[in-house]
Amino acid sequence: MRRRDLIIGLAAGELAAWPLAVRAQPPKVPIVGVLFGGSAALLRQGFPPFLPGLSEFGYRDGQNVTIQYRTAEGQYERLPALVSELVAAKPM
């Protein structure tokens, strides 16, 4: 009888602690990948409306969303490697 009580007590303690462990994990920050075939300068010129648009939905780069930019600088043969980099970052 004592061994069964011990096993039940341990199991109940584990189950009670499990939700605390889940809550202790930091929230995942979404990653947005941006791929552009041109130069970084051209991207900066044409891209500014994107950030205010995200802001309207409550997203702020570096706070609750991460934006990763990749530019091919006009060298389109680099695009497959850049896509692989972005996919490896696991954007959401």
C-alpha atoms as a PDB file:
ATOM      1  CA  MET A   1       0.000   0.000   0.000  1.00  0.00           C
ATOM      2  CA  ARG A   2       2.792   2.461   0.814  1.00  0.00           C
ATOM      3  CA  ARG A   3       4.571   1.928  -2.505  1.00  0.00           C
ATOM      4  CA  ARG A   4       1.365   2.614  -4.435  1.00  0.00           C
ATOM      5  CA  ASP A   5       0.798   5.805  -2.421  1.00  0.00           C
ATOM      6  CA  LEU A   6       4.356   6.888  -3.162  1.00  0.00           C
ATOM      7  CA  ILE A   7       3.972   6.253  -6.902  1.00  0.00           C
ATOM      8  CA  ILE A   8       0.636   8.077  -7.023  1.00  0.00           C
ATOM      9  CA  GLY A   9       2.106  11.003  -5.055  1.00  0.00           C
ATOM     10  CA  LEU A  10       5.093  11.280  -7.382  1.00  0.00           C
ATOM     11  CA  ALA A  11       2.897  11.102 -10.478  1.00  0.00           C
ATOM     12  CA  ALA A  12       0.573  13.783  -9.112  1.00  0.00           C
ATOM     13  CA  GLY A  13       3.543  16.015  -8.311  1.00  0.00           C
ATOM     14  CA  GLU A  14       4.930  15.622 -11.833  1.00  0.00           C
ATOM     15  CA  LEU A  15       1.556  16.428 -13.387  1.00  0.00           C
ATOM     16  CA  ALA A  16       1.135  19.488 -11.186  1.00  0.00           C
ATOM     17  CA  ALA A  17       4.594  20.814 -12.106  1.00  0.00           C
ATOM     18  CA  TRP A  18       4.201  20.226 -15.852  1.00  0.00           C
ATOM     19  CA  PRO A  19       2.057  23.320 -16.603  1.00  0.00           C
ATOM     20  CA  LEU A  20       4.618  25.491 -14.786  1.00  0.00           C
ATOM     21  CA  ALA A  21       7.388  24.176 -17.000  1.00  0.00           C
ATOM     22  CA  VAL A  22       5.336  24.882 -20.114  1.00  0.00           C
ATOM     23  CA  ARG A  23       4.594  28.434 -18.978  1.00  0.00           C
ATOM     24  CA  ALA A  24       8.251  29.040 -18.151  1.00  0.00           C
ATOM     25  CA  GLN A  25       9.286  28.685 -21.793  1.00  0.00           C
ATOM     26  CA  PRO A  26       9.806  32.040 -23.519  1.00  0.00           C
ATOM     27  CA  PRO A  27       7.282  32.777 -26.254  1.00  0.00           C
ATOM     28  CA  LYS A  28       8.459  32.202 -29.799  1.00  0.00           C
ATOM     29  CA  VAL A  29       9.099  35.349 -31.775  1.00  0.00           C
ATOM     30  CA  PRO A  30       7.890  35.023 -35.371  1.00  0.00           C
ATOM     31  CA  ILE A  31      10.510  35.340 -38.094  1.00  0.00           C
ATOM     32  CA  VAL A  32       9.629  37.043 -41.374  1.00  0.00           C
ATOM     33  CA  GLY A  33      11.983  36.354 -44.259  1.00  0.00           C
ATOM     34  CA  VAL A  34      12.408  38.963 -46.988  1.00  0.00           C
ATOM     35  CA  LEU A  35      14.140  37.973 -50.215  1.00  0.00           C
ATOM     36  CA  PHE A  36      15.013  40.624 -52.786  1.00  0.00           C
ATOM     37  CA  GLY A  37      16.859  40.182 -56.048  1.00  0.00           C
ATOM     38  CA  GLY A  38      18.164  43.738 -56.211  1.00  0.00           C
ATOM     39  CA  SER A  39      20.472  45.705 -53.968  1.00  0.00           C
ATOM     40  CA  ALA A  40      20.002  46.534 -50.324  1.00  0.00           C
ATOM     41  CA  ALA A  41      19.769  50.217 -51.279  1.00  0.00           C
ATOM     42  CA  LEU A  42      16.851  49.535 -53.631  1.00  0.00           C
ATOM     43  CA  LEU A  43      15.179  47.426 -50.971  1.00  0.00           C
ATOM     44  CA  ARG A  44      15.424  50.284 -48.458  1.00  0.00           C
ATOM     45  CA  GLN A  45      13.863  52.669 -51.002  1.00  0.00           C
ATOM     46  CA  GLY A  46      10.878  50.497 -51.885  1.00  0.00           C
ATOM     47  CA  PHE A  47      10.321  48.656 -48.629  1.00  0.00           C
ATOM     48  CA  PRO A  48       9.465  51.354 -46.048  1.00  0.00           C
ATOM     49  CA  PRO A  49       5.657  50.881 -46.269  1.00  0.00           C
ATOM     50  CA  PHE A  50       6.078  47.289 -45.072  1.00  0.00           C
ATOM     51  CA  LEU A  51       7.226  48.162 -41.556  1.00  0.00           C
ATOM     52  CA  PRO A  52       4.401  50.643 -40.832  1.00  0.00           C
ATOM     53  CA  GLY A  53       1.994  48.032 -42.179  1.00  0.00           C
ATOM     54  CA  LEU A  54       3.312  45.485 -39.688  1.00  0.00           C
ATOM     55  CA  SER A  55       3.105  48.121 -36.990  1.00  0.00           C
ATOM     56  CA  GLU A  56      -0.614  48.580 -37.671  1.00  0.00           C
ATOM     57  CA  PHE A  57      -1.055  44.934 -36.653  1.00  0.00           C
ATOM     58  CA  GLY A  58       1.041  45.388 -33.515  1.00  0.00           C
ATOM     59  CA  TYR A  59       4.325  43.939 -34.788  1.00  0.00           C
ATOM     60  CA  ARG A  60       7.612  45.718 -34.110  1.00  0.00           C
ATOM     61  CA  ASP A  61      10.871  44.490 -35.616  1.00  0.00           C
ATOM     62  CA  GLY A  62      13.213  43.403 -32.853  1.00  0.00           C
ATOM     63  CA  GLN A  63      10.455  43.370 -30.223  1.00  0.00           C
ATOM     64  CA  ASN A  64       7.770  40.832 -31.098  1.00  0.00           C
ATOM     65  CA  VAL A  65       8.866  39.891 -34.638  1.00  0.00           C
ATOM     66  CA  THR A  66      12.238  39.362 -36.295  1.00  0.00           C
ATOM     67  CA  ILE A  67      12.712  40.352 -39.922  1.00  0.00           C
ATOM     68  CA  GLN A  68      15.566  38.720 -41.785  1.00  0.00           C
ATOM     69  CA  TYR A  69      16.557  40.336 -45.063  1.00  0.00           C
ATOM     70  CA  ARG A  70      18.475  38.676 -47.893  1.00  0.00           C
ATOM     71  CA  THR A  71      19.448  40.529 -51.066  1.00  0.00           C
ATOM     72  CA  ALA A  72      21.035  39.022 -54.162  1.00  0.00           C
ATOM     73  CA  GLU A  73      22.540  42.373 -55.216  1.00  0.00           C
ATOM     74  CA  GLY A  74      21.479  41.667 -58.802  1.00  0.00           C
ATOM     75  CA  GLN A  75      23.294  38.307 -58.844  1.00  0.00           C
ATOM     76  CA  TYR A  76      20.264  36.121 -59.374  1.00  0.00           C
ATOM     77  CA  GLU A  77      22.287  32.907 -59.277  1.00  0.00           C
ATOM     78  CA  ARG A  78      22.631  33.600 -55.523  1.00  0.00           C
ATOM     79  CA  LEU A  79      18.866  33.351 -54.966  1.00  0.00           C
ATOM     80  CA  PRO A  80      18.729  29.566 -54.301  1.00  0.00           C
ATOM     81  CA  ALA A  81      21.387  29.853 -51.573  1.00  0.00           C
ATOM     82  CA  LEU A  82      19.610  32.844 -50.047  1.00  0.00           C
ATOM     83  CA  VAL A  83      16.313  30.954 -50.050  1.00  0.00           C
ATOM     84  CA  SER A  84      18.033  28.077 -48.251  1.00  0.00           C
ATOM     85  CA  GLU A  85      19.331  30.483 -45.609  1.00  0.00           C
ATOM     86  CA  LEU A  86      15.880  31.896 -45.005  1.00  0.00           C
ATOM     87  CA  VAL A  87      14.243  28.475 -44.865  1.00  0.00           C
ATOM     88  CA  ALA A  88      16.881  27.336 -42.347  1.00  0.00           C
ATOM     89  CA  ALA A  89      15.821  30.250 -40.112  1.00  0.00           C
ATOM     90  CA  LYS A  90      12.326  28.659 -39.997  1.00  0.00           C
ATOM     91  CA  PRO A  91      10.189  31.730 -40.709  1.00  0.00           C
ATOM     92  CA  MET A  92       6.617  31.603 -39.455  1.00  0.00           C
END
